[in-house]
Amino acid sequence: MVNGKPPVDQKKLQRSDYHVAWICPAATVELLPSRLMLDEEHATPSYDTAYDDNVYIFGAMAGHNLVIA
């Protein structure tokens, strides 16, 4: 991410395109290794941040779109 904007080559899909969730309960330990295992990272789709302070990483692994939380 550069200046708060995703790189131009990142895909931006809709939230409904993601069917797999990978939950990282210990985000400080698990989030980075999980992120590095993605085959590709996608730009974050729009979602209501007013009531949600979780960190989400969107991407694909082995042909499946997934979100890491």
C-alpha atoms as a PDB file:
ATOM      1  CA  MET A   1       0.000   0.000   0.000  1.00  0.00           C
ATOM      2  CA  VAL A   2       1.413   3.351  -1.021  1.00  0.00           C
ATOM      3  CA  ASN A   3       0.074   6.570   0.523  1.00  0.00           C
ATOM      4  CA  GLY A   4      -2.988   4.688   1.742  1.00  0.00           C
ATOM      5  CA  LYS A   5      -3.824   3.431  -1.766  1.00  0.00           C
ATOM      6  CA  PRO A   6      -3.338  -0.135  -3.035  1.00  0.00           C
ATOM      7  CA  PRO A   7      -0.878  -0.717  -5.882  1.00  0.00           C
ATOM      8  CA  VAL A   8      -2.514  -0.455  -9.291  1.00  0.00           C
ATOM      9  CA  ASP A   9      -1.976  -4.156 -10.078  1.00  0.00           C
ATOM     10  CA  GLN A  10      -4.022  -5.440  -7.103  1.00  0.00           C
ATOM     11  CA  LYS A  11      -7.424  -6.946  -7.840  1.00  0.00           C
ATOM     12  CA  LYS A  12     -10.396  -5.318  -6.147  1.00  0.00           C
ATOM     13  CA  LEU A  13     -13.299  -7.708  -5.722  1.00  0.00           C
ATOM     14  CA  GLN A  14     -16.611  -7.395  -3.903  1.00  0.00           C
ATOM     15  CA  ARG A  15     -17.080  -8.745  -0.354  1.00  0.00           C
ATOM     16  CA  SER A  16     -19.407 -11.406  -1.763  1.00  0.00           C
ATOM     17  CA  ASP A  17     -16.513 -12.853  -3.818  1.00  0.00           C
ATOM     18  CA  TYR A  18     -14.820 -14.179  -0.656  1.00  0.00           C
ATOM     19  CA  HIS A  19     -16.032 -17.525   0.705  1.00  0.00           C
ATOM     20  CA  VAL A  20     -13.149 -18.607   2.952  1.00  0.00           C
ATOM     21  CA  ALA A  21     -12.198 -16.900   6.218  1.00  0.00           C
ATOM     22  CA  TRP A  22      -8.911 -17.496   8.014  1.00  0.00           C
ATOM     23  CA  ILE A  23      -9.191 -16.331  11.626  1.00  0.00           C
ATOM     24  CA  CYS A  24      -5.994 -15.316  13.431  1.00  0.00           C
ATOM     25  CA  PRO A  25      -6.849 -15.002  17.138  1.00  0.00           C
ATOM     26  CA  ALA A  26      -3.297 -13.925  17.992  1.00  0.00           C
ATOM     27  CA  ALA A  27      -2.936 -11.343  15.232  1.00  0.00           C
ATOM     28  CA  THR A  28       0.395 -10.002  16.490  1.00  0.00           C
ATOM     29  CA  VAL A  29       1.921 -13.457  15.951  1.00  0.00           C
ATOM     30  CA  GLU A  30      -0.189 -15.036  13.198  1.00  0.00           C
ATOM     31  CA  LEU A  31      -1.205 -12.254  10.813  1.00  0.00           C
ATOM     32  CA  LEU A  32       2.135 -11.695   9.052  1.00  0.00           C
ATOM     33  CA  PRO A  33       2.931 -15.399   8.410  1.00  0.00           C
ATOM     34  CA  SER A  34      -0.641 -15.903   7.167  1.00  0.00           C
ATOM     35  CA  ARG A  35      -0.335 -12.919   4.844  1.00  0.00           C
ATOM     36  CA  LEU A  36       2.949 -14.209   3.439  1.00  0.00           C
ATOM     37  CA  MET A  37       1.286 -17.506   2.522  1.00  0.00           C
ATOM     38  CA  LEU A  38      -1.136 -15.804   0.095  1.00  0.00           C
ATOM     39  CA  ASP A  39      -0.521 -16.383  -3.608  1.00  0.00           C
ATOM     40  CA  GLU A  40      -1.802 -12.861  -4.282  1.00  0.00           C
ATOM     41  CA  GLU A  41      -3.136 -10.010  -2.191  1.00  0.00           C
ATOM     42  CA  HIS A  42      -6.252  -8.068  -3.192  1.00  0.00           C
ATOM     43  CA  ALA A  43      -7.283  -4.500  -2.487  1.00  0.00           C
ATOM     44  CA  THR A  44      -9.695  -4.207   0.448  1.00  0.00           C
ATOM     45  CA  PRO A  45     -13.333  -3.933  -0.651  1.00  0.00           C
ATOM     46  CA  SER A  46     -15.553  -1.313   0.956  1.00  0.00           C
ATOM     47  CA  TYR A  47     -17.104  -2.190   4.309  1.00  0.00           C
ATOM     48  CA  ASP A  48     -18.624  -0.280   7.227  1.00  0.00           C
ATOM     49  CA  THR A  49     -15.757   0.538   9.586  1.00  0.00           C
ATOM     50  CA  ALA A  50     -17.944   2.396  12.080  1.00  0.00           C
ATOM     51  CA  TYR A  51     -18.627  -0.753  14.122  1.00  0.00           C
ATOM     52  CA  ASP A  52     -15.733  -2.961  13.050  1.00  0.00           C
ATOM     53  CA  ASP A  53     -12.135  -2.361  14.137  1.00  0.00           C
ATOM     54  CA  ASN A  54     -10.775  -5.738  12.971  1.00  0.00           C
ATOM     55  CA  VAL A  55      -7.874  -5.957  10.531  1.00  0.00           C
ATOM     56  CA  TYR A  56      -8.710  -7.724   7.254  1.00  0.00           C
ATOM     57  CA  ILE A  57      -6.340  -8.925   4.552  1.00  0.00           C
ATOM     58  CA  PHE A  58      -7.974 -10.012   1.288  1.00  0.00           C
ATOM     59  CA  GLY A  59      -6.310 -12.297  -1.206  1.00  0.00           C
ATOM     60  CA  ALA A  60      -6.189 -15.648  -2.948  1.00  0.00           C
ATOM     61  CA  MET A  61      -4.572 -18.988  -2.195  1.00  0.00           C
ATOM     62  CA  ALA A  62      -4.685 -22.058  -4.460  1.00  0.00           C
ATOM     63  CA  GLY A  63      -7.410 -20.433  -6.569  1.00  0.00           C
ATOM     64  CA  HIS A  64      -9.666 -19.566  -3.606  1.00  0.00           C
ATOM     65  CA  ASN A  65     -10.496 -15.990  -2.607  1.00  0.00           C
ATOM     66  CA  LEU A  66     -10.102 -15.619   1.137  1.00  0.00           C
ATOM     67  CA  VAL A  67     -10.063 -13.043   3.853  1.00  0.00           C
ATOM     68  CA  ILE A  68      -7.677 -13.166   6.810  1.00  0.00           C
ATOM     69  CA  ALA A  69      -8.973 -11.564   9.995  1.00  0.00           C
END
